[in-house]
Amino acid sequence: MATPPRLVPLLAQFDFAREQLFDRMVGMTDDEYLWEPVPRCWSIRLHAAGPGPGATLLIGAGAWGRDSARPAHPSPPPFTTIAWRLGHLSEGLTLRADHTIGSHALTWDDYRHRGDAAGAVAAFDAGAGAWRAALVSADDDALDAVGRSTFPHGGDSDEPFIDVVWWVNQELLHHGAEIALLRDLSRAQGANAS
């Protein structure tokens, strides 16, 4: 199946942003991944340790979870670590892919967050690959289909798929930039501490 012409630039943007972020995470240590540059950060934490400051629960299956709060996040939002941002991004890609071309059943509580940098980068790569498969499965009619993605958090079920594709791209771009900046700050802090 040929890629619909209006998907071509969005797919190229996604591929570029994915590659840029992946390249920026090469060599990331567990210390960088979990670094909390300010007090009261939200992060990925062991379920056994409980949620971090200001969080009311840890989302995810397995040993590790992502700090969150229900029914609503605090305002202003808490500062989040590389781990939290990468976990949020990977989880969103994975779940949206599932709710587009998968079982349409995965929830935040099913997602397995990783407590180590290498595992988190691998999870990001898997989630990005799954989302890309959802993208290339779309023909012109699918791009216009309202509710093609049934992801339950956000407006996916009420929007044409091409709008969801745009939204996911901006999520990847802005969280990728945040992660890159936090890595730069972590390295600078390490260099200044010597």
N, C-alpha and C. Protein backbone atom coordinates (compact mmCIF):
# COMPACT_ATOMS: atom_id res chain seq x y z
N MET A 1 0.85 -1.17 0.00
CA MET A 1 0.00 0.00 0.00
C MET A 1 0.90 1.25 0.00
N ALA A 2 0.59 2.17 -0.87
CA ALA A 2 1.33 3.43 -0.95
C ALA A 2 0.93 4.33 0.22
N THR A 3 1.88 5.07 0.73
CA THR A 3 1.60 6.02 1.81
C THR A 3 0.80 7.19 1.24
N PRO A 4 -0.33 7.52 1.86
CA PRO A 4 -1.11 8.67 1.39
C PRO A 4 -0.25 9.94 1.41
N PRO A 5 -0.33 10.75 0.36
CA PRO A 5 0.53 11.94 0.27
C PRO A 5 0.49 12.85 1.50
N ARG A 6 -0.68 13.03 2.11
CA ARG A 6 -0.74 13.94 3.27
C ARG A 6 -0.16 13.33 4.54
N LEU A 7 0.08 12.00 4.53
CA LEU A 7 0.75 11.36 5.66
C LEU A 7 2.27 11.43 5.52
N VAL A 8 2.76 11.59 4.30
CA VAL A 8 4.20 11.55 4.05
C VAL A 8 4.97 12.54 4.93
N PRO A 9 4.60 13.83 4.99
CA PRO A 9 5.39 14.75 5.83
C PRO A 9 5.27 14.43 7.32
N LEU A 10 4.11 13.97 7.76
CA LEU A 10 3.95 13.63 9.17
C LEU A 10 4.75 12.39 9.53
N LEU A 11 4.80 11.42 8.63
CA LEU A 11 5.59 10.22 8.85
C LEU A 11 7.08 10.58 8.87
N ALA A 12 7.52 11.44 7.96
CA ALA A 12 8.91 11.87 7.93
C ALA A 12 9.27 12.63 9.22
N GLN A 13 8.35 13.47 9.69
CA GLN A 13 8.58 14.21 10.93
C GLN A 13 8.69 13.25 12.11
N PHE A 14 7.80 12.26 12.16
CA PHE A 14 7.85 11.26 13.23
C PHE A 14 9.18 10.52 13.21
N ASP A 15 9.57 10.04 12.02
CA ASP A 15 10.83 9.29 11.90
C ASP A 15 12.02 10.14 12.32
N PHE A 16 12.03 11.40 11.92
CA PHE A 16 13.12 12.31 12.28
C PHE A 16 13.17 12.51 13.79
N ALA A 17 12.04 12.82 14.40
CA ALA A 17 12.00 13.07 15.85
C ALA A 17 12.37 11.81 16.62
N ARG A 18 11.91 10.66 16.17
CA ARG A 18 12.23 9.39 16.82
C ARG A 18 13.74 9.15 16.77
N GLU A 19 14.33 9.34 15.61
CA GLU A 19 15.77 9.11 15.46
C GLU A 19 16.57 10.10 16.30
N GLN A 20 16.16 11.37 16.29
CA GLN A 20 16.86 12.38 17.08
C GLN A 20 16.84 12.02 18.57
N LEU A 21 15.67 11.65 19.07
CA LEU A 21 15.58 11.30 20.49
C LEU A 21 16.38 10.05 20.79
N PHE A 22 16.25 9.05 19.94
CA PHE A 22 16.99 7.80 20.17
C PHE A 22 18.49 8.10 20.23
N ASP A 23 18.99 8.90 19.29
CA ASP A 23 20.41 9.25 19.26
C ASP A 23 20.83 10.01 20.52
N ARG A 24 19.94 10.88 21.04
CA ARG A 24 20.27 11.67 22.23
C ARG A 24 20.29 10.81 23.49
N MET A 25 19.69 9.62 23.44
CA MET A 25 19.65 8.76 24.62
C MET A 25 20.78 7.73 24.64
N VAL A 26 21.59 7.67 23.58
CA VAL A 26 22.69 6.72 23.54
C VAL A 26 23.63 7.00 24.72
N GLY A 27 23.95 5.96 25.45
CA GLY A 27 24.87 6.09 26.58
C GLY A 27 24.26 6.65 27.85
N MET A 28 22.95 6.85 27.88
CA MET A 28 22.32 7.39 29.08
C MET A 28 22.50 6.39 30.23
N THR A 29 22.92 6.90 31.36
CA THR A 29 23.12 6.05 32.53
C THR A 29 21.83 5.98 33.35
N ASP A 30 21.77 5.01 34.23
CA ASP A 30 20.62 4.91 35.13
C ASP A 30 20.53 6.14 36.03
N ASP A 31 21.69 6.68 36.44
CA ASP A 31 21.68 7.89 37.27
C ASP A 31 21.05 9.07 36.53
N GLU A 32 21.40 9.24 35.25
CA GLU A 32 20.79 10.32 34.45
C GLU A 32 19.29 10.09 34.30
N TYR A 33 18.94 8.85 33.98
CA TYR A 33 17.55 8.48 33.74
C TYR A 33 16.67 8.82 34.95
N LEU A 34 17.16 8.56 36.14
CA LEU A 34 16.38 8.76 37.36
C LEU A 34 16.71 10.06 38.10
N TRP A 35 17.59 10.89 37.53
CA TRP A 35 18.04 12.12 38.18
C TRP A 35 16.87 13.04 38.50
N GLU A 36 16.82 13.50 39.74
CA GLU A 36 15.80 14.44 40.20
C GLU A 36 16.46 15.79 40.45
N PRO A 37 16.42 16.69 39.45
CA PRO A 37 17.17 17.94 39.56
C PRO A 37 16.59 18.96 40.55
N VAL A 38 15.34 18.79 40.94
CA VAL A 38 14.71 19.71 41.88
C VAL A 38 13.90 18.90 42.88
N PRO A 39 13.59 19.48 44.04
CA PRO A 39 12.75 18.76 45.00
C PRO A 39 11.35 18.47 44.43
N ARG A 40 10.75 17.42 44.91
CA ARG A 40 9.37 17.04 44.61
C ARG A 40 9.14 16.62 43.15
N CYS A 41 10.18 16.08 42.53
CA CYS A 41 10.05 15.57 41.15
C CYS A 41 9.12 14.37 41.11
N TRP A 42 8.45 14.24 40.00
CA TRP A 42 7.75 13.00 39.68
C TRP A 42 8.67 12.17 38.81
N SER A 43 8.61 10.84 39.02
CA SER A 43 9.53 9.95 38.32
C SER A 43 8.89 8.58 38.12
N ILE A 44 9.73 7.64 37.74
CA ILE A 44 9.39 6.22 37.72
C ILE A 44 9.96 5.65 39.01
N ARG A 45 9.14 4.95 39.78
CA ARG A 45 9.57 4.47 41.10
C ARG A 45 9.13 3.02 41.30
N LEU A 46 9.83 2.38 42.22
CA LEU A 46 9.40 1.04 42.63
C LEU A 46 8.04 1.13 43.30
N HIS A 47 7.13 0.25 42.90
CA HIS A 47 5.82 0.22 43.55
C HIS A 47 5.97 0.03 45.06
N ALA A 48 6.95 -0.77 45.46
CA ALA A 48 7.15 -1.06 46.88
C ALA A 48 7.50 0.21 47.67
N ALA A 49 8.10 1.20 47.01
CA ALA A 49 8.48 2.45 47.68
C ALA A 49 7.32 3.44 47.74
N GLY A 50 6.31 3.24 46.93
CA GLY A 50 5.17 4.14 46.90
C GLY A 50 5.41 5.37 46.04
N PRO A 51 4.37 6.17 45.82
CA PRO A 51 4.49 7.35 44.97
C PRO A 51 5.38 8.42 45.58
N GLY A 52 5.91 9.26 44.69
CA GLY A 52 6.76 10.37 45.12
C GLY A 52 5.94 11.53 45.66
N PRO A 53 6.62 12.60 46.05
CA PRO A 53 5.95 13.76 46.64
C PRO A 53 4.89 14.35 45.71
N GLY A 54 3.70 14.54 46.24
CA GLY A 54 2.61 15.14 45.47
C GLY A 54 1.85 14.17 44.60
N ALA A 55 2.39 12.97 44.40
CA ALA A 55 1.69 11.94 43.62
C ALA A 55 0.81 11.13 44.56
N THR A 56 -0.27 10.59 44.03
CA THR A 56 -1.16 9.78 44.86
C THR A 56 -1.12 8.31 44.49
N LEU A 57 -0.49 7.99 43.36
CA LEU A 57 -0.39 6.59 42.95
C LEU A 57 0.73 6.43 41.94
N LEU A 58 1.12 5.17 41.75
CA LEU A 58 2.07 4.80 40.71
C LEU A 58 1.31 3.99 39.66
N ILE A 59 1.38 4.45 38.41
CA ILE A 59 0.67 3.80 37.31
C ILE A 59 1.60 2.80 36.64
N GLY A 60 1.08 1.62 36.37
CA GLY A 60 1.83 0.62 35.62
C GLY A 60 1.85 -0.73 36.31
N ALA A 61 2.09 -1.75 35.50
CA ALA A 61 2.19 -3.12 35.98
C ALA A 61 3.65 -3.42 36.33
N GLY A 62 3.89 -4.46 37.06
CA GLY A 62 5.25 -4.86 37.35
C GLY A 62 5.81 -4.12 38.55
N ALA A 63 7.13 -4.17 38.67
CA ALA A 63 7.81 -3.61 39.84
C ALA A 63 7.83 -2.08 39.85
N TRP A 64 7.81 -1.47 38.67
CA TRP A 64 7.98 -0.02 38.56
C TRP A 64 6.70 0.65 38.11
N GLY A 65 6.48 1.88 38.56
CA GLY A 65 5.31 2.64 38.14
C GLY A 65 5.67 4.11 37.95
N ARG A 66 4.79 4.80 37.24
CA ARG A 66 4.98 6.23 36.94
C ARG A 66 4.13 7.04 37.91
N ASP A 67 4.77 8.03 38.58
CA ASP A 67 4.04 8.92 39.48
C ASP A 67 2.86 9.56 38.76
N SER A 68 1.72 9.60 39.45
CA SER A 68 0.53 10.24 38.90
C SER A 68 -0.37 10.65 40.06
N ALA A 69 -1.48 11.26 39.73
CA ALA A 69 -2.47 11.64 40.74
C ALA A 69 -3.85 11.53 40.12
N ARG A 70 -4.77 11.07 40.89
CA ARG A 70 -6.17 11.01 40.45
C ARG A 70 -7.01 11.66 41.53
N PRO A 71 -8.02 12.38 41.18
CA PRO A 71 -8.61 12.47 39.85
C PRO A 71 -7.89 13.42 38.91
N ALA A 72 -7.04 14.32 39.43
CA ALA A 72 -6.37 15.28 38.55
C ALA A 72 -4.96 15.54 39.06
N HIS A 73 -4.07 15.89 38.14
CA HIS A 73 -2.71 16.28 38.53
C HIS A 73 -2.75 17.62 39.24
N PRO A 74 -1.78 17.85 40.11
CA PRO A 74 -1.74 19.15 40.79
C PRO A 74 -1.46 20.29 39.81
N SER A 75 -1.82 21.48 40.22
CA SER A 75 -1.55 22.67 39.41
C SER A 75 -0.79 23.64 40.30
N PRO A 76 0.36 24.12 39.86
CA PRO A 76 1.02 23.82 38.59
C PRO A 76 1.52 22.38 38.58
N PRO A 77 1.75 21.85 37.37
CA PRO A 77 2.20 20.46 37.30
C PRO A 77 3.59 20.30 37.91
N PRO A 78 3.86 19.13 38.46
CA PRO A 78 5.17 18.89 39.06
C PRO A 78 6.25 18.79 37.98
N PHE A 79 7.49 19.04 38.38
CA PHE A 79 8.62 18.84 37.49
C PHE A 79 8.83 17.33 37.35
N THR A 80 9.11 16.87 36.15
CA THR A 80 9.25 15.44 35.91
C THR A 80 10.64 15.10 35.39
N THR A 81 11.11 13.92 35.77
CA THR A 81 12.45 13.44 35.41
C THR A 81 12.46 12.90 33.97
N ILE A 82 13.66 12.61 33.49
CA ILE A 82 13.78 11.92 32.20
C ILE A 82 12.98 10.63 32.24
N ALA A 83 13.09 9.89 33.33
CA ALA A 83 12.38 8.62 33.46
C ALA A 83 10.87 8.82 33.28
N TRP A 84 10.32 9.82 33.97
CA TRP A 84 8.87 10.06 33.87
C TRP A 84 8.49 10.44 32.45
N ARG A 85 9.25 11.37 31.85
CA ARG A 85 8.92 11.85 30.50
C ARG A 85 9.05 10.74 29.47
N LEU A 86 10.12 9.94 29.57
CA LEU A 86 10.31 8.84 28.62
C LEU A 86 9.26 7.76 28.84
N GLY A 87 8.93 7.49 30.10
CA GLY A 87 7.88 6.52 30.40
C GLY A 87 6.53 6.96 29.86
N HIS A 88 6.20 8.22 30.08
CA HIS A 88 4.94 8.78 29.57
C HIS A 88 4.87 8.68 28.05
N LEU A 89 5.96 9.04 27.40
CA LEU A 89 6.02 9.00 25.94
C LEU A 89 5.91 7.57 25.41
N SER A 90 6.67 6.66 25.97
CA SER A 90 6.67 5.27 25.53
C SER A 90 5.32 4.61 25.76
N GLU A 91 4.75 4.88 26.91
CA GLU A 91 3.44 4.35 27.26
C GLU A 91 2.37 4.87 26.29
N GLY A 92 2.43 6.16 25.97
CA GLY A 92 1.46 6.74 25.05
C GLY A 92 1.57 6.15 23.66
N LEU A 93 2.79 5.97 23.17
CA LEU A 93 2.98 5.36 21.84
C LEU A 93 2.46 3.93 21.82
N THR A 94 2.80 3.18 22.84
CA THR A 94 2.38 1.77 22.92
C THR A 94 0.87 1.64 23.00
N LEU A 95 0.26 2.40 23.90
CA LEU A 95 -1.18 2.30 24.08
C LEU A 95 -1.95 2.82 22.87
N ARG A 96 -1.49 3.92 22.27
CA ARG A 96 -2.18 4.42 21.07
C ARG A 96 -2.09 3.42 19.93
N ALA A 97 -0.93 2.78 19.77
CA ALA A 97 -0.80 1.75 18.73
C ALA A 97 -1.78 0.62 18.99
N ASP A 98 -1.86 0.19 20.25
CA ASP A 98 -2.79 -0.89 20.59
C ASP A 98 -4.24 -0.47 20.32
N HIS A 99 -4.57 0.77 20.61
CA HIS A 99 -5.94 1.24 20.42
C HIS A 99 -6.23 1.65 18.98
N THR A 100 -5.26 1.46 18.10
CA THR A 100 -5.46 1.74 16.68
C THR A 100 -5.47 0.44 15.87
N ILE A 101 -4.45 -0.40 16.04
CA ILE A 101 -4.36 -1.63 15.24
C ILE A 101 -4.17 -2.88 16.10
N GLY A 102 -4.32 -2.75 17.40
CA GLY A 102 -4.10 -3.88 18.30
C GLY A 102 -5.39 -4.37 18.92
N SER A 103 -5.29 -4.73 20.18
CA SER A 103 -6.42 -5.32 20.90
C SER A 103 -7.46 -4.29 21.34
N HIS A 104 -7.10 -3.02 21.34
CA HIS A 104 -7.97 -1.94 21.83
C HIS A 104 -8.31 -2.12 23.31
N ALA A 105 -7.38 -2.74 24.04
CA ALA A 105 -7.68 -3.07 25.43
C ALA A 105 -6.64 -2.60 26.43
N LEU A 106 -5.42 -2.31 26.02
CA LEU A 106 -4.38 -1.95 26.97
C LEU A 106 -4.73 -0.67 27.72
N THR A 107 -4.36 -0.65 28.99
CA THR A 107 -4.57 0.54 29.82
C THR A 107 -3.24 0.96 30.43
N TRP A 108 -3.24 2.15 31.03
CA TRP A 108 -2.05 2.60 31.74
C TRP A 108 -1.62 1.57 32.78
N ASP A 109 -2.58 0.93 33.42
CA ASP A 109 -2.25 -0.03 34.46
C ASP A 109 -1.61 -1.30 33.90
N ASP A 110 -1.71 -1.55 32.60
CA ASP A 110 -1.09 -2.71 31.97
C ASP A 110 0.35 -2.45 31.54
N TYR A 111 0.70 -1.19 31.36
CA TYR A 111 2.02 -0.85 30.82
C TYR A 111 3.11 -1.12 31.86
N ARG A 112 4.23 -1.70 31.43
CA ARG A 112 5.35 -2.01 32.32
C ARG A 112 6.45 -0.97 32.15
N HIS A 113 6.56 -0.10 33.14
CA HIS A 113 7.64 0.90 33.13
C HIS A 113 8.93 0.23 33.54
N ARG A 114 10.05 0.84 33.13
CA ARG A 114 11.37 0.29 33.40
C ARG A 114 12.11 1.19 34.37
N GLY A 115 12.84 0.58 35.27
CA GLY A 115 13.62 1.31 36.25
C GLY A 115 15.06 1.54 35.83
N ASP A 116 15.41 1.12 34.62
CA ASP A 116 16.77 1.30 34.13
C ASP A 116 16.75 1.98 32.76
N ALA A 117 17.81 2.72 32.47
CA ALA A 117 17.87 3.51 31.24
C ALA A 117 17.81 2.61 30.00
N ALA A 118 18.59 1.55 29.97
CA ALA A 118 18.62 0.68 28.78
C ALA A 118 17.25 0.07 28.52
N GLY A 119 16.59 -0.39 29.57
CA GLY A 119 15.26 -0.96 29.41
C GLY A 119 14.25 0.07 28.95
N ALA A 120 14.37 1.29 29.46
CA ALA A 120 13.44 2.36 29.07
C ALA A 120 13.65 2.77 27.61
N VAL A 121 14.90 2.82 27.16
CA VAL A 121 15.18 3.16 25.76
C VAL A 121 14.64 2.05 24.85
N ALA A 122 14.80 0.80 25.25
CA ALA A 122 14.26 -0.31 24.47
C ALA A 122 12.73 -0.25 24.42
N ALA A 123 12.11 0.12 25.53
CA ALA A 123 10.64 0.24 25.56
C ALA A 123 10.18 1.38 24.66
N PHE A 124 10.93 2.49 24.66
CA PHE A 124 10.61 3.58 23.75
C PHE A 124 10.69 3.12 22.29
N ASP A 125 11.75 2.41 21.96
CA ASP A 125 11.94 1.94 20.60
C ASP A 125 10.79 1.00 20.19
N ALA A 126 10.39 0.13 21.09
CA ALA A 126 9.28 -0.78 20.80
C ALA A 126 7.96 -0.02 20.62
N GLY A 127 7.70 0.94 21.51
CA GLY A 127 6.48 1.73 21.40
C GLY A 127 6.45 2.55 20.13
N ALA A 128 7.59 3.17 19.78
CA ALA A 128 7.67 3.96 18.55
C ALA A 128 7.49 3.07 17.32
N GLY A 129 8.04 1.86 17.36
CA GLY A 129 7.86 0.93 16.25
C GLY A 129 6.41 0.50 16.10
N ALA A 130 5.74 0.27 17.22
CA ALA A 130 4.33 -0.12 17.17
C ALA A 130 3.48 1.03 16.61
N TRP A 131 3.76 2.27 17.04
CA TRP A 131 3.00 3.42 16.55
C TRP A 131 3.27 3.62 15.06
N ARG A 132 4.52 3.44 14.63
CA ARG A 132 4.83 3.60 13.21
C ARG A 132 4.06 2.58 12.37
N ALA A 133 3.93 1.36 12.89
CA ALA A 133 3.14 0.34 12.19
C ALA A 133 1.69 0.78 12.05
N ALA A 134 1.16 1.44 13.08
CA ALA A 134 -0.21 1.97 13.00
C ALA A 134 -0.29 3.06 11.93
N LEU A 135 0.74 3.89 11.86
CA LEU A 135 0.74 4.96 10.86
C LEU A 135 0.73 4.41 9.44
N VAL A 136 1.64 3.49 9.15
CA VAL A 136 1.76 3.00 7.77
C VAL A 136 0.61 2.08 7.39
N SER A 137 -0.21 1.69 8.35
CA SER A 137 -1.39 0.88 8.03
C SER A 137 -2.56 1.73 7.53
N ALA A 138 -2.41 3.05 7.63
CA ALA A 138 -3.52 3.96 7.31
C ALA A 138 -3.51 4.34 5.83
N ASP A 139 -4.67 4.17 5.20
CA ASP A 139 -4.87 4.70 3.86
C ASP A 139 -5.58 6.05 3.98
N ASP A 140 -5.93 6.65 2.85
CA ASP A 140 -6.58 7.96 2.89
C ASP A 140 -7.87 7.95 3.70
N ASP A 141 -8.68 6.92 3.53
CA ASP A 141 -9.93 6.84 4.28
C ASP A 141 -9.67 6.73 5.79
N ALA A 142 -8.65 5.95 6.15
CA ALA A 142 -8.32 5.78 7.57
C ALA A 142 -7.86 7.09 8.19
N LEU A 143 -7.15 7.90 7.41
CA LEU A 143 -6.69 9.19 7.94
C LEU A 143 -7.86 10.10 8.31
N ASP A 144 -8.96 9.96 7.61
CA ASP A 144 -10.15 10.78 7.88
C ASP A 144 -11.11 10.14 8.89
N ALA A 145 -10.86 8.88 9.24
CA ALA A 145 -11.78 8.15 10.11
C ALA A 145 -11.75 8.72 11.53
N VAL A 146 -12.89 9.17 11.98
CA VAL A 146 -13.04 9.62 13.36
C VAL A 146 -13.13 8.37 14.23
N GLY A 147 -12.30 8.33 15.27
CA GLY A 147 -12.33 7.19 16.17
C GLY A 147 -11.49 6.01 15.73
N ARG A 148 -10.63 6.17 14.70
CA ARG A 148 -9.75 5.07 14.32
C ARG A 148 -8.90 4.66 15.52
N SER A 149 -8.41 5.64 16.27
CA SER A 149 -7.74 5.35 17.54
C SER A 149 -8.79 5.48 18.64
N THR A 150 -8.89 4.44 19.45
CA THR A 150 -9.85 4.45 20.56
C THR A 150 -9.15 4.69 21.90
N PHE A 151 -7.93 5.23 21.85
CA PHE A 151 -7.19 5.52 23.08
C PHE A 151 -8.11 6.33 23.99
N PRO A 152 -8.32 5.84 25.23
CA PRO A 152 -9.34 6.46 26.08
C PRO A 152 -8.94 7.75 26.79
N HIS A 153 -7.68 8.16 26.67
CA HIS A 153 -7.22 9.37 27.38
C HIS A 153 -6.89 10.43 26.33
N GLY A 154 -7.73 11.41 26.22
CA GLY A 154 -7.58 12.42 25.18
C GLY A 154 -8.77 12.36 24.26
N GLY A 155 -8.67 13.06 23.16
CA GLY A 155 -9.79 13.17 22.24
C GLY A 155 -9.76 12.23 21.06
N ASP A 156 -8.91 11.19 21.12
CA ASP A 156 -8.72 10.32 19.96
C ASP A 156 -10.02 9.81 19.34
N SER A 157 -10.93 9.35 20.17
CA SER A 157 -12.14 8.74 19.62
C SER A 157 -13.08 9.75 18.99
N ASP A 158 -12.81 11.05 19.19
CA ASP A 158 -13.65 12.09 18.61
C ASP A 158 -12.98 12.84 17.45
N GLU A 159 -11.77 12.43 17.08
CA GLU A 159 -11.01 13.18 16.09
C GLU A 159 -10.63 12.32 14.89
N PRO A 160 -10.49 12.96 13.72
CA PRO A 160 -9.96 12.22 12.58
C PRO A 160 -8.56 11.72 12.91
N PHE A 161 -8.21 10.55 12.40
CA PHE A 161 -6.93 9.94 12.72
C PHE A 161 -5.75 10.85 12.38
N ILE A 162 -5.85 11.61 11.30
CA ILE A 162 -4.73 12.47 10.93
C ILE A 162 -4.46 13.53 12.01
N ASP A 163 -5.49 13.96 12.73
CA ASP A 163 -5.29 14.89 13.84
C ASP A 163 -4.58 14.21 15.01
N VAL A 164 -4.89 12.94 15.24
CA VAL A 164 -4.21 12.17 16.29
C VAL A 164 -2.74 12.00 15.92
N VAL A 165 -2.48 11.73 14.63
CA VAL A 165 -1.09 11.59 14.17
C VAL A 165 -0.33 12.88 14.44
N TRP A 166 -0.92 14.02 14.13
CA TRP A 166 -0.29 15.31 14.40
C TRP A 166 -0.01 15.46 15.89
N TRP A 167 -0.99 15.12 16.73
CA TRP A 167 -0.84 15.27 18.18
C TRP A 167 0.31 14.41 18.70
N VAL A 168 0.39 13.17 18.25
CA VAL A 168 1.46 12.28 18.71
C VAL A 168 2.82 12.83 18.28
N ASN A 169 2.90 13.37 17.07
CA ASN A 169 4.16 13.97 16.63
C ASN A 169 4.58 15.10 17.55
N GLN A 170 3.66 15.97 17.92
CA GLN A 170 4.05 17.08 18.79
C GLN A 170 4.42 16.57 20.17
N GLU A 171 3.80 15.50 20.64
CA GLU A 171 4.20 14.90 21.92
C GLU A 171 5.64 14.41 21.85
N LEU A 172 5.97 13.71 20.75
CA LEU A 172 7.33 13.20 20.57
C LEU A 172 8.33 14.36 20.48
N LEU A 173 7.97 15.39 19.72
CA LEU A 173 8.87 16.53 19.57
C LEU A 173 9.11 17.26 20.89
N HIS A 174 8.04 17.56 21.61
CA HIS A 174 8.27 18.37 22.82
C HIS A 174 8.85 17.55 23.96
N HIS A 175 8.41 16.31 24.16
CA HIS A 175 9.02 15.51 25.22
C HIS A 175 10.45 15.11 24.86
N GLY A 176 10.70 14.88 23.57
CA GLY A 176 12.07 14.59 23.14
C GLY A 176 13.01 15.75 23.44
N ALA A 177 12.54 16.97 23.19
CA ALA A 177 13.35 18.15 23.48
C ALA A 177 13.59 18.29 24.98
N GLU A 178 12.56 18.02 25.77
CA GLU A 178 12.72 18.09 27.23
C GLU A 178 13.75 17.07 27.72
N ILE A 179 13.66 15.86 27.20
CA ILE A 179 14.60 14.80 27.60
C ILE A 179 16.03 15.19 27.22
N ALA A 180 16.20 15.71 26.00
CA ALA A 180 17.54 16.14 25.56
C ALA A 180 18.08 17.24 26.46
N LEU A 181 17.25 18.21 26.82
CA LEU A 181 17.68 19.29 27.69
C LEU A 181 18.07 18.77 29.07
N LEU A 182 17.27 17.86 29.61
CA LEU A 182 17.60 17.30 30.93
C LEU A 182 18.91 16.52 30.89
N ARG A 183 19.18 15.82 29.80
CA ARG A 183 20.48 15.13 29.68
C ARG A 183 21.61 16.15 29.67
N ASP A 184 21.43 17.25 28.93
CA ASP A 184 22.45 18.30 28.89
C ASP A 184 22.69 18.87 30.29
N LEU A 185 21.60 19.15 31.01
CA LEU A 185 21.73 19.69 32.36
C LEU A 185 22.39 18.70 33.31
N SER A 186 22.05 17.43 33.16
CA SER A 186 22.65 16.40 34.01
C SER A 186 24.15 16.32 33.77
N ARG A 187 24.56 16.35 32.52
CA ARG A 187 25.99 16.31 32.20
C ARG A 187 26.69 17.57 32.73
N ALA A 188 26.05 18.72 32.55
CA ALA A 188 26.65 19.97 33.03
C ALA A 188 26.79 19.97 34.54
N GLN A 189 25.81 19.45 35.24
CA GLN A 189 25.87 19.38 36.68
C GLN A 189 27.01 18.45 37.10
N GLY A 190 27.16 17.34 36.42
CA GLY A 190 28.24 16.40 36.72
C GLY A 190 29.60 17.01 36.47
N ALA A 191 29.71 17.79 35.39
CA ALA A 191 30.98 18.44 35.05
C ALA A 191 31.33 19.51 36.08
N ASN A 192 30.30 20.23 36.57
CA ASN A 192 30.55 21.29 37.54
C ASN A 192 30.82 20.74 38.95
N ALA A 193 30.34 19.52 39.20
CA ALA A 193 30.52 18.93 40.52
C ALA A 193 31.94 18.39 40.70
N SER A 194 32.68 18.20 39.62
CA SER A 194 34.04 17.63 39.72
C SER A 194 35.04 18.64 40.19
